[in-house]
N, C-alpha and C. Protein backbone atom coordinates (compact mmCIF):
# COMPACT_ATOMS: atom_id res chain seq x y z
N MET A 1 -26.09 3.59 -2.29
CA MET A 1 -25.55 3.35 -0.99
C MET A 1 -24.11 2.90 -1.00
N LYS A 2 -23.91 1.90 -1.97
CA LYS A 2 -22.56 1.27 -2.04
C LYS A 2 -21.59 2.31 -2.58
N ASN A 3 -22.04 3.12 -3.47
CA ASN A 3 -21.09 4.22 -4.04
C ASN A 3 -20.77 5.25 -2.93
N ARG A 4 -21.78 5.55 -2.08
CA ARG A 4 -21.57 6.52 -0.99
C ARG A 4 -20.50 6.03 0.02
N CYS A 5 -20.68 4.72 0.36
CA CYS A 5 -19.67 4.14 1.36
C CYS A 5 -18.27 4.11 0.65
N ARG A 6 -18.28 3.75 -0.64
CA ARG A 6 -16.96 3.68 -1.27
C ARG A 6 -16.27 5.10 -1.31
N ASN A 7 -17.16 6.19 -1.56
CA ASN A 7 -16.57 7.55 -1.56
C ASN A 7 -16.09 7.90 -0.22
N ILE A 8 -16.86 7.56 0.91
CA ILE A 8 -16.41 7.97 2.17
C ILE A 8 -15.08 7.24 2.56
N VAL A 9 -15.06 5.94 2.31
CA VAL A 9 -13.82 5.18 2.58
C VAL A 9 -12.58 5.71 1.79
N THR A 10 -12.85 6.09 0.52
CA THR A 10 -11.79 6.70 -0.31
C THR A 10 -11.28 8.06 0.29
N LEU A 11 -12.26 8.79 0.70
CA LEU A 11 -11.88 10.13 1.35
C LEU A 11 -11.12 9.93 2.61
N LEU A 12 -11.59 8.96 3.52
CA LEU A 12 -10.89 8.74 4.79
C LEU A 12 -9.48 8.12 4.54
N LEU A 13 -9.30 7.26 3.59
CA LEU A 13 -8.02 6.67 3.37
C LEU A 13 -7.08 7.77 2.70
N THR A 14 -7.63 8.56 1.81
CA THR A 14 -6.76 9.69 1.26
C THR A 14 -6.37 10.69 2.31
N THR A 15 -7.25 11.03 3.19
CA THR A 15 -6.96 11.86 4.32
C THR A 15 -5.85 11.32 5.14
N LEU A 16 -6.03 10.03 5.58
CA LEU A 16 -5.03 9.36 6.39
C LEU A 16 -3.67 9.31 5.64
N PHE A 17 -3.64 9.05 4.42
CA PHE A 17 -2.34 9.05 3.71
C PHE A 17 -1.68 10.37 3.71
N ILE A 18 -2.45 11.39 3.32
CA ILE A 18 -1.91 12.79 3.29
C ILE A 18 -1.38 13.13 4.66
N GLY A 19 -2.10 12.89 5.71
CA GLY A 19 -1.62 13.24 7.07
C GLY A 19 -0.36 12.48 7.44
N TYR A 20 -0.33 11.20 7.11
CA TYR A 20 0.94 10.40 7.37
C TYR A 20 2.05 10.97 6.54
N TRP A 21 1.82 11.14 5.26
CA TRP A 21 2.95 11.69 4.46
C TRP A 21 3.49 13.05 4.94
N CYS A 22 2.52 13.92 5.28
CA CYS A 22 2.98 15.20 5.81
C CYS A 22 3.81 15.15 7.15
N SER A 23 3.32 14.26 7.98
CA SER A 23 4.05 14.06 9.31
C SER A 23 5.45 13.43 9.21
N THR A 24 5.63 12.60 8.10
CA THR A 24 6.85 11.98 7.96
C THR A 24 7.85 12.76 7.07
N THR A 25 7.37 13.69 6.27
CA THR A 25 8.29 14.46 5.46
C THR A 25 8.51 15.85 5.87
N MET A 26 7.55 16.49 6.60
CA MET A 26 7.60 17.95 6.92
C MET A 26 8.20 18.29 8.34
N PHE A 27 8.32 17.24 9.16
CA PHE A 27 8.72 17.49 10.55
C PHE A 27 9.99 16.71 10.92
N MET A 28 10.94 16.40 9.94
CA MET A 28 12.08 15.57 10.21
C MET A 28 13.07 16.38 11.11
N HIS A 29 13.57 15.66 12.15
CA HIS A 29 14.64 16.23 13.02
C HIS A 29 15.54 15.14 13.51
N VAL A 30 16.67 15.58 14.13
CA VAL A 30 17.71 14.73 14.57
C VAL A 30 17.90 14.81 16.03
N HIS A 31 18.06 13.70 16.70
CA HIS A 31 18.45 13.71 18.13
C HIS A 31 19.83 12.90 18.21
N TYR A 32 20.70 13.36 19.14
CA TYR A 32 21.96 12.59 19.45
C TYR A 32 21.78 12.09 20.81
N ILE A 33 21.72 10.78 20.96
CA ILE A 33 21.63 10.19 22.22
C ILE A 33 22.75 9.15 22.36
N ASP A 34 23.57 9.35 23.35
CA ASP A 34 24.80 8.51 23.69
C ASP A 34 25.63 8.42 22.36
N GLY A 35 25.87 9.46 21.71
CA GLY A 35 26.64 9.56 20.47
C GLY A 35 26.00 8.94 19.20
N VAL A 36 24.80 8.45 19.36
CA VAL A 36 24.07 7.85 18.29
C VAL A 36 23.06 8.82 17.64
N ARG A 37 23.20 9.02 16.33
CA ARG A 37 22.27 9.96 15.67
C ARG A 37 20.95 9.24 15.38
N ILE A 38 19.86 9.74 15.90
CA ILE A 38 18.50 9.19 15.56
C ILE A 38 17.76 10.30 14.86
N VAL A 39 17.37 9.88 13.61
CA VAL A 39 16.53 10.73 12.77
C VAL A 39 15.09 10.24 12.71
N HIS A 40 14.16 11.02 13.02
CA HIS A 40 12.78 10.67 12.86
C HIS A 40 11.91 11.91 12.63
N SER A 41 10.68 11.72 12.36
CA SER A 41 9.84 12.92 12.17
C SER A 41 8.48 12.67 12.75
N HIS A 42 7.93 13.76 13.29
CA HIS A 42 6.60 13.82 13.75
C HIS A 42 6.36 15.31 14.07
N PRO A 43 5.10 15.70 14.08
CA PRO A 43 4.81 17.14 14.45
C PRO A 43 5.22 17.42 15.83
N TYR A 44 5.76 18.55 15.99
CA TYR A 44 6.16 19.12 17.32
C TYR A 44 6.35 20.62 17.24
N THR A 45 6.31 21.26 18.41
CA THR A 45 6.47 22.69 18.46
C THR A 45 7.81 22.99 19.11
N GLY A 46 8.45 24.06 18.74
CA GLY A 46 9.74 24.46 19.35
C GLY A 46 10.84 24.02 18.47
N SER A 47 12.07 24.17 19.01
CA SER A 47 13.31 23.83 18.25
C SER A 47 13.64 22.33 18.61
N ALA A 48 14.38 21.70 17.67
CA ALA A 48 14.84 20.38 17.87
C ALA A 48 15.74 20.19 19.10
N SER A 49 16.47 21.21 19.48
CA SER A 49 17.35 21.16 20.64
C SER A 49 16.57 21.09 21.91
N SER A 50 15.40 21.76 22.02
CA SER A 50 14.61 21.78 23.25
C SER A 50 13.59 20.58 23.26
N HIS A 51 13.60 19.85 22.21
CA HIS A 51 12.68 18.75 21.98
C HIS A 51 13.38 17.39 22.38
N GLY A 52 12.86 16.59 23.18
CA GLY A 52 13.55 15.35 23.54
C GLY A 52 12.55 14.13 23.73
N HIS A 53 13.16 12.96 23.76
CA HIS A 53 12.29 11.73 23.95
C HIS A 53 13.05 10.91 25.01
N SER A 54 12.21 10.06 25.72
CA SER A 54 12.71 9.09 26.59
C SER A 54 13.05 7.82 25.80
N SER A 55 13.82 6.95 26.45
CA SER A 55 14.17 5.75 25.64
C SER A 55 12.95 4.91 25.29
N ASN A 56 11.92 4.89 26.13
CA ASN A 56 10.70 4.24 25.73
C ASN A 56 10.07 4.83 24.54
N GLN A 57 9.99 6.14 24.52
CA GLN A 57 9.44 6.81 23.34
C GLN A 57 10.24 6.47 22.04
N LEU A 58 11.55 6.53 22.19
CA LEU A 58 12.31 6.19 21.03
C LEU A 58 12.15 4.77 20.50
N GLN A 59 11.97 3.91 21.46
CA GLN A 59 11.64 2.48 21.09
C GLN A 59 10.32 2.31 20.42
N ALA A 60 9.33 3.06 20.97
CA ALA A 60 8.00 3.03 20.35
C ALA A 60 8.08 3.58 18.93
N ILE A 61 8.82 4.69 18.75
CA ILE A 61 8.95 5.20 17.35
C ILE A 61 9.66 4.22 16.50
N SER A 62 10.64 3.49 16.92
CA SER A 62 11.26 2.51 16.15
C SER A 62 10.27 1.45 15.79
N TYR A 63 9.46 0.96 16.70
CA TYR A 63 8.59 -0.20 16.41
C TYR A 63 7.43 0.29 15.42
N LEU A 64 6.99 1.55 15.63
CA LEU A 64 5.98 2.09 14.69
C LEU A 64 6.56 2.23 13.29
N SER A 65 7.78 2.70 13.15
CA SER A 65 8.40 2.79 11.85
C SER A 65 8.60 1.47 11.21
N ALA A 66 8.94 0.46 11.92
CA ALA A 66 9.11 -0.89 11.35
C ALA A 66 7.75 -1.41 10.92
N PHE A 67 6.74 -1.25 11.78
CA PHE A 67 5.41 -1.66 11.44
C PHE A 67 4.90 -1.00 10.13
N ALA A 68 5.14 0.37 10.01
CA ALA A 68 4.60 1.09 8.86
C ALA A 68 5.36 0.54 7.61
N ALA A 69 6.66 0.20 7.70
CA ALA A 69 7.34 -0.31 6.54
C ALA A 69 6.80 -1.68 6.19
N ILE A 70 6.54 -2.59 7.15
CA ILE A 70 6.05 -3.89 6.82
C ILE A 70 4.70 -3.79 6.26
N VAL A 71 3.79 -3.00 6.76
CA VAL A 71 2.43 -2.85 6.21
C VAL A 71 2.54 -2.31 4.81
N THR A 72 3.36 -1.37 4.52
CA THR A 72 3.45 -0.83 3.20
C THR A 72 3.97 -1.85 2.23
N LEU A 73 4.98 -2.66 2.65
CA LEU A 73 5.55 -3.74 1.82
C LEU A 73 4.43 -4.83 1.55
N ALA A 74 3.71 -5.15 2.54
CA ALA A 74 2.65 -6.12 2.40
C ALA A 74 1.52 -5.65 1.42
N GLY A 75 1.20 -4.46 1.64
CA GLY A 75 0.08 -3.82 0.73
C GLY A 75 0.55 -3.79 -0.74
N LEU A 76 1.83 -3.34 -0.88
CA LEU A 76 2.39 -3.33 -2.32
C LEU A 76 2.43 -4.74 -2.94
N THR A 77 2.96 -5.64 -2.09
CA THR A 77 2.99 -7.04 -2.62
C THR A 77 1.68 -7.58 -2.98
N THR A 78 0.68 -7.33 -2.14
CA THR A 78 -0.70 -7.84 -2.35
C THR A 78 -1.24 -7.19 -3.61
N SER A 79 -1.02 -5.86 -3.77
CA SER A 79 -1.53 -5.21 -5.01
C SER A 79 -0.91 -5.79 -6.23
N ILE A 80 0.36 -6.05 -6.27
CA ILE A 80 1.08 -6.53 -7.38
C ILE A 80 0.61 -7.93 -7.71
N LEU A 81 0.50 -8.79 -6.75
CA LEU A 81 -0.04 -10.17 -6.94
C LEU A 81 -1.46 -10.14 -7.42
N THR A 82 -2.30 -9.35 -6.91
CA THR A 82 -3.74 -9.20 -7.40
C THR A 82 -3.77 -8.82 -8.82
N TRP A 83 -2.92 -7.83 -9.14
CA TRP A 83 -2.95 -7.31 -10.54
C TRP A 83 -2.43 -8.42 -11.47
N LEU A 84 -1.38 -9.14 -11.07
CA LEU A 84 -0.88 -10.27 -11.90
C LEU A 84 -1.91 -11.38 -12.08
N ARG A 85 -2.68 -11.65 -11.01
CA ARG A 85 -3.65 -12.67 -11.08
C ARG A 85 -4.73 -12.37 -12.01
N LEU A 86 -5.23 -11.11 -11.90
CA LEU A 86 -6.29 -10.61 -12.81
C LEU A 86 -5.85 -10.56 -14.21
N HIS A 87 -4.60 -10.16 -14.46
CA HIS A 87 -4.10 -10.01 -15.80
C HIS A 87 -3.99 -11.46 -16.42
N ARG A 88 -3.56 -12.42 -15.65
CA ARG A 88 -3.43 -13.86 -16.11
C ARG A 88 -4.77 -14.46 -16.32
N THR A 89 -5.70 -14.12 -15.48
CA THR A 89 -7.07 -14.62 -15.66
C THR A 89 -7.69 -14.22 -16.96
N GLN A 90 -7.55 -12.86 -17.20
CA GLN A 90 -8.08 -12.36 -18.46
C GLN A 90 -7.39 -12.94 -19.69
N HIS A 91 -6.08 -13.12 -19.64
CA HIS A 91 -5.35 -13.71 -20.67
C HIS A 91 -5.89 -15.16 -20.90
N ASP A 92 -6.02 -15.93 -19.85
CA ASP A 92 -6.49 -17.28 -19.94
C ASP A 92 -7.89 -17.36 -20.50
N GLU A 93 -8.82 -16.47 -20.15
CA GLU A 93 -10.08 -16.38 -20.73
C GLU A 93 -10.11 -16.17 -22.21
N GLN A 94 -9.28 -15.21 -22.62
CA GLN A 94 -9.19 -14.85 -24.02
C GLN A 94 -8.63 -16.06 -24.76
N ARG A 95 -7.66 -16.71 -24.25
CA ARG A 95 -7.07 -17.82 -24.90
C ARG A 95 -8.09 -19.01 -25.01
N ALA A 96 -8.81 -19.22 -23.92
CA ALA A 96 -9.85 -20.38 -23.99
C ALA A 96 -10.94 -20.06 -24.99
N SER A 97 -11.29 -18.76 -25.04
CA SER A 97 -12.34 -18.39 -25.92
C SER A 97 -11.87 -18.64 -27.40
N ALA A 98 -10.61 -18.33 -27.68
CA ALA A 98 -10.11 -18.48 -29.07
C ALA A 98 -9.97 -19.96 -29.35
N VAL A 99 -9.57 -20.77 -28.40
CA VAL A 99 -9.45 -22.23 -28.67
C VAL A 99 -10.88 -22.86 -28.88
N MET A 100 -11.83 -22.41 -28.06
CA MET A 100 -13.19 -22.98 -28.20
C MET A 100 -13.84 -22.55 -29.55
N SER A 101 -13.58 -21.37 -29.95
CA SER A 101 -14.21 -20.92 -31.17
C SER A 101 -13.52 -21.59 -32.42
N SER A 102 -12.30 -22.01 -32.27
CA SER A 102 -11.63 -22.71 -33.38
C SER A 102 -12.00 -24.18 -33.46
N TYR A 103 -12.49 -24.78 -32.40
CA TYR A 103 -12.79 -26.19 -32.36
C TYR A 103 -14.29 -26.35 -32.56
N CYS A 104 -15.20 -25.51 -32.03
CA CYS A 104 -16.61 -25.73 -32.19
C CYS A 104 -17.15 -24.58 -33.00
N SER A 105 -17.86 -24.99 -34.02
CA SER A 105 -18.40 -23.99 -34.90
C SER A 105 -19.88 -24.47 -35.18
N LEU A 106 -20.67 -23.38 -35.53
CA LEU A 106 -22.06 -23.70 -35.78
C LEU A 106 -22.38 -24.03 -37.16
N ARG A 107 -21.36 -24.14 -38.03
CA ARG A 107 -21.53 -24.44 -39.38
C ARG A 107 -21.60 -25.99 -39.59
N ALA A 108 -22.04 -26.45 -40.71
CA ALA A 108 -22.08 -27.89 -41.06
C ALA A 108 -20.70 -28.33 -41.28
N PRO A 109 -20.38 -29.51 -40.98
CA PRO A 109 -21.23 -30.57 -40.34
C PRO A 109 -21.38 -30.21 -38.89
N PRO A 110 -22.53 -30.60 -38.37
CA PRO A 110 -22.81 -30.34 -36.92
C PRO A 110 -22.13 -31.22 -35.97
N VAL A 111 -20.80 -31.11 -35.92
CA VAL A 111 -20.02 -31.94 -35.00
C VAL A 111 -18.99 -31.05 -34.32
N CYS A 112 -18.65 -31.33 -33.07
CA CYS A 112 -17.50 -30.70 -32.39
C CYS A 112 -16.48 -31.63 -32.14
N LEU A 113 -15.24 -31.37 -32.59
CA LEU A 113 -14.12 -32.25 -32.40
C LEU A 113 -13.34 -31.83 -31.23
């Protein structure tokens, strides 16, 4: 059951990532609003010249882009910190094991220093 749930979550996250990646790389287009060039991407039909956005839509696109960047950065930072913590824990356990084996031995004399 646990493996099945993990496989389903893996499949859903992979599908979500592929959909997001495709929509941000395959549908890029430019709008000129008040002399300012705005580049963004999302699926749409038709040509870029006949495609437009209101100021509220552009603001929402800006907020969503910033949110996606922050979430990506937070996820990457969390992954790196988790990896470093696990690596450090394994190193400390190996070191503690080596220290303990050098101080305590089962040979005579039966004393631990």
